[in-house]
Amino acid sequence: MKSNIISLGVLSCLFAAGAANAADGTISFTGSVVAAACTVSTQTAAQTVNLGTINSSGFTSAGTVAGATRFDITLASCPSTITKTSVKFDGTPDATDSRLLALTSGQTATGLGIAIYESNGTTLIPMQTASASKDLEADATSTTMTFIAKYMSTAANVGAGTASASTSFTIAYN
């Protein structure tokens, strides 16, 4: 008799637990697939951006920037169905400041990474985050997206040495 009562108690707890897991909301996913995408121009698909030679004493605290250099990514042959584009820089984030691109292994400079900004030079684009969307002009089949790269210190003292990095990038279509 006791085991029947315990079994009934366990069974009723199982049904009560199911009632506590009611749905609280719904998430819908939307999107689209395009038949063709823009192509990255050969001049900007693989490029070298020279940030110059910077004096390490110019970095006085974490967050100091130097070496601002413009670079472009040009898209061509865009189908008319694409009206907006953005870029995500997929490089390895810096260990101290994940917004920055980490220097390539073997580089000898210390205490800095590379920051990539929108064309205004003030809006930082964190690594692995999409840039602001750029509208394609009506009937345009190409567009150029401009960015600014800068060294940014991650420490009060920056050690002198080589300071190169590289990143792949992904184009997103909105």
C-alpha atoms as a PDB file:
ATOM      1  CA  MET A   1       0.000   0.000   0.000  1.00  0.00           C
ATOM      2  CA  LYS A   2       2.837   2.372   0.908  1.00  0.00           C
ATOM      3  CA  SER A   3       4.595   1.737  -2.408  1.00  0.00           C
ATOM      4  CA  ASN A   4       1.354   2.539  -4.299  1.00  0.00           C
ATOM      5  CA  ILE A   5       1.075   5.876  -2.495  1.00  0.00           C
ATOM      6  CA  ILE A   6       4.720   6.710  -3.248  1.00  0.00           C
ATOM      7  CA  SER A   7       4.257   5.684  -6.892  1.00  0.00           C
ATOM      8  CA  LEU A   8       1.171   7.911  -7.170  1.00  0.00           C
ATOM      9  CA  GLY A   9       3.112  10.797  -5.616  1.00  0.00           C
ATOM     10  CA  VAL A  10       6.012  10.428  -8.070  1.00  0.00           C
ATOM     11  CA  LEU A  11       3.614  10.110 -11.006  1.00  0.00           C
ATOM     12  CA  SER A  12       1.695  13.260 -10.049  1.00  0.00           C
ATOM     13  CA  CYS A  13       5.002  15.200  -9.710  1.00  0.00           C
ATOM     14  CA  LEU A  14       5.927  14.215 -13.256  1.00  0.00           C
ATOM     15  CA  PHE A  15       2.677  15.636 -14.625  1.00  0.00           C
ATOM     16  CA  ALA A  16       3.026  18.810 -12.534  1.00  0.00           C
ATOM     17  CA  ALA A  17       6.556  19.406 -13.875  1.00  0.00           C
ATOM     18  CA  GLY A  18       5.245  19.317 -17.446  1.00  0.00           C
ATOM     19  CA  ALA A  19       2.745  22.045 -16.656  1.00  0.00           C
ATOM     20  CA  ALA A  20       5.527  24.311 -15.350  1.00  0.00           C
ATOM     21  CA  ASN A  21       7.277  24.263 -18.739  1.00  0.00           C
ATOM     22  CA  ALA A  22       4.659  26.235 -20.666  1.00  0.00           C
ATOM     23  CA  ALA A  23       5.819  28.333 -23.652  1.00  0.00           C
ATOM     24  CA  ASP A  24       6.498  31.974 -22.759  1.00  0.00           C
ATOM     25  CA  GLY A  25       6.939  33.335 -26.263  1.00  0.00           C
ATOM     26  CA  THR A  26       7.704  32.662 -29.907  1.00  0.00           C
ATOM     27  CA  ILE A  27      10.768  33.465 -31.991  1.00  0.00           C
ATOM     28  CA  SER A  28      10.353  33.701 -35.750  1.00  0.00           C
ATOM     29  CA  PHE A  29      13.297  33.585 -38.136  1.00  0.00           C
ATOM     30  CA  THR A  30      13.147  35.351 -41.500  1.00  0.00           C
ATOM     31  CA  GLY A  31      15.593  35.938 -44.310  1.00  0.00           C
ATOM     32  CA  SER A  32      16.152  35.477 -47.988  1.00  0.00           C
ATOM     33  CA  VAL A  33      18.557  33.778 -50.356  1.00  0.00           C
ATOM     34  CA  VAL A  34      19.914  35.593 -53.394  1.00  0.00           C
ATOM     35  CA  ALA A  35      20.797  33.832 -56.630  1.00  0.00           C
ATOM     36  CA  ALA A  36      23.945  35.907 -57.083  1.00  0.00           C
ATOM     37  CA  ALA A  37      25.968  38.261 -54.935  1.00  0.00           C
ATOM     38  CA  CYS A  38      28.359  41.116 -55.573  1.00  0.00           C
ATOM     39  CA  THR A  39      31.987  40.332 -56.315  1.00  0.00           C
ATOM     40  CA  VAL A  40      34.865  41.949 -54.448  1.00  0.00           C
ATOM     41  CA  SER A  41      37.123  43.806 -56.884  1.00  0.00           C
ATOM     42  CA  THR A  42      40.523  42.198 -57.360  1.00  0.00           C
ATOM     43  CA  GLN A  43      42.233  45.453 -56.283  1.00  0.00           C
ATOM     44  CA  THR A  44      40.619  45.325 -52.836  1.00  0.00           C
ATOM     45  CA  ALA A  45      40.122  41.588 -52.262  1.00  0.00           C
ATOM     46  CA  ALA A  46      43.730  41.106 -51.105  1.00  0.00           C
ATOM     47  CA  GLN A  47      45.429  44.329 -50.121  1.00  0.00           C
ATOM     48  CA  THR A  48      48.130  45.602 -47.777  1.00  0.00           C
ATOM     49  CA  VAL A  49      47.351  48.638 -45.626  1.00  0.00           C
ATOM     50  CA  ASN A  50      50.536  50.363 -44.428  1.00  0.00           C
ATOM     51  CA  LEU A  51      50.017  51.928 -40.987  1.00  0.00           C
ATOM     52  CA  GLY A  52      53.497  53.432 -41.101  1.00  0.00           C
ATOM     53  CA  THR A  53      56.239  53.586 -38.498  1.00  0.00           C
ATOM     54  CA  ILE A  54      54.992  54.898 -35.160  1.00  0.00           C
ATOM     55  CA  ASN A  55      57.067  55.937 -32.116  1.00  0.00           C
ATOM     56  CA  SER A  56      56.139  53.758 -29.117  1.00  0.00           C
ATOM     57  CA  SER A  57      56.416  56.777 -26.787  1.00  0.00           C
ATOM     58  CA  GLY A  58      53.381  58.285 -28.532  1.00  0.00           C
ATOM     59  CA  PHE A  59      51.168  55.732 -26.806  1.00  0.00           C
ATOM     60  CA  THR A  60      50.640  57.237 -23.350  1.00  0.00           C
ATOM     61  CA  SER A  61      47.812  55.062 -22.025  1.00  0.00           C
ATOM     62  CA  ALA A  62      45.562  52.187 -23.039  1.00  0.00           C
ATOM     63  CA  GLY A  63      43.252  53.338 -25.824  1.00  0.00           C
ATOM     64  CA  THR A  64      45.711  55.744 -27.475  1.00  0.00           C
ATOM     65  CA  VAL A  65      45.556  55.549 -31.290  1.00  0.00           C
ATOM     66  CA  ALA A  66      48.062  56.313 -34.050  1.00  0.00           C
ATOM     67  CA  GLY A  67      48.706  55.609 -37.711  1.00  0.00           C
ATOM     68  CA  ALA A  68      45.235  56.306 -39.107  1.00  0.00           C
ATOM     69  CA  THR A  69      45.118  54.934 -42.647  1.00  0.00           C
ATOM     70  CA  ARG A  70      42.189  54.718 -45.051  1.00  0.00           C
ATOM     71  CA  PHE A  71      41.396  51.566 -47.002  1.00  0.00           C
ATOM     72  CA  ASP A  72      38.517  50.595 -49.277  1.00  0.00           C
ATOM     73  CA  ILE A  73      36.594  47.475 -50.182  1.00  0.00           C
ATOM     74  CA  THR A  74      34.946  47.767 -53.598  1.00  0.00           C
ATOM     75  CA  LEU A  75      32.065  45.559 -54.680  1.00  0.00           C
ATOM     76  CA  ALA A  76      31.143  45.100 -58.333  1.00  0.00           C
ATOM     77  CA  SER A  77      28.548  43.261 -60.424  1.00  0.00           C
ATOM     78  CA  CYS A  78      25.886  43.604 -57.735  1.00  0.00           C
ATOM     79  CA  PRO A  79      22.464  42.316 -58.789  1.00  0.00           C
ATOM     80  CA  SER A  80      19.522  44.711 -58.515  1.00  0.00           C
ATOM     81  CA  THR A  81      18.042  42.660 -55.660  1.00  0.00           C
ATOM     82  CA  ILE A  82      20.860  43.804 -53.346  1.00  0.00           C
ATOM     83  CA  THR A  83      20.222  47.224 -51.844  1.00  0.00           C
ATOM     84  CA  LYS A  84      22.515  47.277 -48.768  1.00  0.00           C
ATOM     85  CA  THR A  85      25.841  45.758 -47.812  1.00  0.00           C
ATOM     86  CA  SER A  86      27.970  45.545 -44.694  1.00  0.00           C
ATOM     87  CA  VAL A  87      31.338  44.014 -43.835  1.00  0.00           C
ATOM     88  CA  LYS A  88      32.367  41.786 -40.945  1.00  0.00           C
ATOM     89  CA  PHE A  89      36.093  41.537 -40.231  1.00  0.00           C
ATOM     90  CA  ASP A  90      36.718  37.938 -39.171  1.00  0.00           C
ATOM     91  CA  GLY A  91      40.259  38.246 -37.780  1.00  0.00           C
ATOM     92  CA  THR A  92      41.512  37.007 -34.426  1.00  0.00           C
ATOM     93  CA  PRO A  93      40.489  39.382 -31.628  1.00  0.00           C
ATOM     94  CA  ASP A  94      43.221  40.807 -29.387  1.00  0.00           C
ATOM     95  CA  ALA A  95      43.494  38.951 -26.059  1.00  0.00           C
ATOM     96  CA  THR A  96      43.349  42.184 -24.020  1.00  0.00           C
ATOM     97  CA  ASP A  97      40.740  44.103 -26.033  1.00  0.00           C
ATOM     98  CA  SER A  98      38.516  41.832 -28.136  1.00  0.00           C
ATOM     99  CA  ARG A  99      37.311  44.785 -30.238  1.00  0.00           C
ATOM    100  CA  LEU A 100      40.771  44.980 -31.810  1.00  0.00           C
ATOM    101  CA  LEU A 101      42.515  42.795 -34.368  1.00  0.00           C
ATOM    102  CA  ALA A 102      45.339  40.851 -32.722  1.00  0.00           C
ATOM    103  CA  LEU A 103      48.840  41.129 -34.117  1.00  0.00           C
ATOM    104  CA  THR A 104      49.933  38.095 -36.113  1.00  0.00           C
ATOM    105  CA  SER A 105      51.858  35.446 -34.177  1.00  0.00           C
ATOM    106  CA  GLY A 106      55.583  36.210 -34.140  1.00  0.00           C
ATOM    107  CA  GLN A 107      55.216  39.991 -34.127  1.00  0.00           C
ATOM    108  CA  THR A 108      57.524  41.645 -31.591  1.00  0.00           C
ATOM    109  CA  ALA A 109      55.615  44.818 -30.683  1.00  0.00           C
ATOM    110  CA  THR A 110      53.592  44.485 -27.478  1.00  0.00           C
ATOM    111  CA  GLY A 111      50.652  46.253 -25.883  1.00  0.00           C
ATOM    112  CA  LEU A 112      48.682  47.132 -29.001  1.00  0.00           C
ATOM    113  CA  GLY A 113      46.281  45.841 -31.619  1.00  0.00           C
ATOM    114  CA  ILE A 114      44.692  47.209 -34.770  1.00  0.00           C
ATOM    115  CA  ALA A 115      41.371  49.021 -34.593  1.00  0.00           C
ATOM    116  CA  ILE A 116      39.126  49.210 -37.661  1.00  0.00           C
ATOM    117  CA  TYR A 117      36.723  52.139 -37.884  1.00  0.00           C
ATOM    118  CA  GLU A 118      33.824  53.218 -40.068  1.00  0.00           C
ATOM    119  CA  SER A 119      34.742  55.857 -42.678  1.00  0.00           C
ATOM    120  CA  ASN A 120      34.181  58.649 -40.127  1.00  0.00           C
ATOM    121  CA  GLY A 121      37.283  57.461 -38.246  1.00  0.00           C
ATOM    122  CA  THR A 122      35.511  57.565 -34.869  1.00  0.00           C
ATOM    123  CA  THR A 123      33.069  54.626 -34.866  1.00  0.00           C
ATOM    124  CA  LEU A 124      35.022  51.489 -33.971  1.00  0.00           C
ATOM    125  CA  ILE A 125      33.897  48.243 -35.634  1.00  0.00           C
ATOM    126  CA  PRO A 126      34.590  45.434 -33.146  1.00  0.00           C
ATOM    127  CA  MET A 127      36.166  42.289 -34.581  1.00  0.00           C
ATOM    128  CA  GLN A 128      33.613  39.749 -35.808  1.00  0.00           C
ATOM    129  CA  THR A 129      30.830  42.361 -35.783  1.00  0.00           C
ATOM    130  CA  ALA A 130      29.178  43.797 -38.905  1.00  0.00           C
ATOM    131  CA  SER A 131      29.920  47.348 -39.963  1.00  0.00           C
ATOM    132  CA  ALA A 132      27.133  49.824 -40.547  1.00  0.00           C
ATOM    133  CA  SER A 133      25.092  49.008 -43.654  1.00  0.00           C
ATOM    134  CA  LYS A 134      25.837  50.964 -46.800  1.00  0.00           C
ATOM    135  CA  ASP A 135      23.042  51.636 -49.279  1.00  0.00           C
ATOM    136  CA  LEU A 136      23.647  50.847 -52.922  1.00  0.00           C
ATOM    137  CA  GLU A 137      22.423  53.696 -55.068  1.00  0.00           C
ATOM    138  CA  ALA A 138      19.404  52.947 -57.257  1.00  0.00           C
ATOM    139  CA  ASP A 139      20.475  51.168 -60.447  1.00  0.00           C
ATOM    140  CA  ALA A 140      24.090  50.971 -59.207  1.00  0.00           C
ATOM    141  CA  THR A 141      25.929  47.708 -59.714  1.00  0.00           C
ATOM    142  CA  SER A 142      28.978  48.633 -57.640  1.00  0.00           C
ATOM    143  CA  THR A 143      29.853  50.393 -54.407  1.00  0.00           C
ATOM    144  CA  THR A 144      32.950  51.268 -52.408  1.00  0.00           C
ATOM    145  CA  MET A 145      33.001  50.949 -48.637  1.00  0.00           C
ATOM    146  CA  THR A 146      35.658  53.013 -46.863  1.00  0.00           C
ATOM    147  CA  PHE A 147      37.253  52.148 -43.523  1.00  0.00           C
ATOM    148  CA  ILE A 148      40.037  53.536 -41.327  1.00  0.00           C
ATOM    149  CA  ALA A 149      42.643  51.353 -39.597  1.00  0.00           C
ATOM    150  CA  LYS A 150      44.657  52.584 -36.587  1.00  0.00           C
ATOM    151  CA  TYR A 151      47.034  51.108 -34.074  1.00  0.00           C
ATOM    152  CA  MET A 152      45.415  51.207 -30.616  1.00  0.00           C
ATOM    153  CA  SER A 153      47.335  50.600 -27.394  1.00  0.00           C
ATOM    154  CA  THR A 154      45.979  48.025 -24.968  1.00  0.00           C
ATOM    155  CA  ALA A 155      48.441  48.979 -22.229  1.00  0.00           C
ATOM    156  CA  ALA A 156      50.076  52.132 -20.866  1.00  0.00           C
ATOM    157  CA  ASN A 157      53.435  51.021 -22.266  1.00  0.00           C
ATOM    158  CA  VAL A 158      53.773  49.809 -25.838  1.00  0.00           C
ATOM    159  CA  GLY A 159      56.843  47.753 -26.672  1.00  0.00           C
ATOM    160  CA  ALA A 160      58.642  48.535 -29.924  1.00  0.00           C
ATOM    161  CA  GLY A 161      58.853  45.925 -32.670  1.00  0.00           C
ATOM    162  CA  THR A 162      57.070  44.618 -35.733  1.00  0.00           C
ATOM    163  CA  ALA A 163      53.304  45.116 -35.607  1.00  0.00           C
ATOM    164  CA  SER A 164      51.519  43.389 -38.483  1.00  0.00           C
ATOM    165  CA  ALA A 165      48.168  41.625 -38.587  1.00  0.00           C
ATOM    166  CA  SER A 166      45.750  40.246 -41.141  1.00  0.00           C
ATOM    167  CA  THR A 167      42.048  39.582 -41.298  1.00  0.00           C
ATOM    168  CA  SER A 168      39.662  37.958 -43.694  1.00  0.00           C
ATOM    169  CA  PHE A 169      36.320  39.657 -44.221  1.00  0.00           C
ATOM    170  CA  THR A 170      32.778  38.641 -45.059  1.00  0.00           C
ATOM    171  CA  ILE A 171      30.269  40.714 -47.017  1.00  0.00           C
ATOM    172  CA  ALA A 172      26.677  40.633 -45.781  1.00  0.00           C
ATOM    173  CA  TYR A 173      23.723  41.659 -47.912  1.00  0.00           C
ATOM    174  CA  ASN A 174      20.642  43.233 -46.358  1.00  0.00           C
END
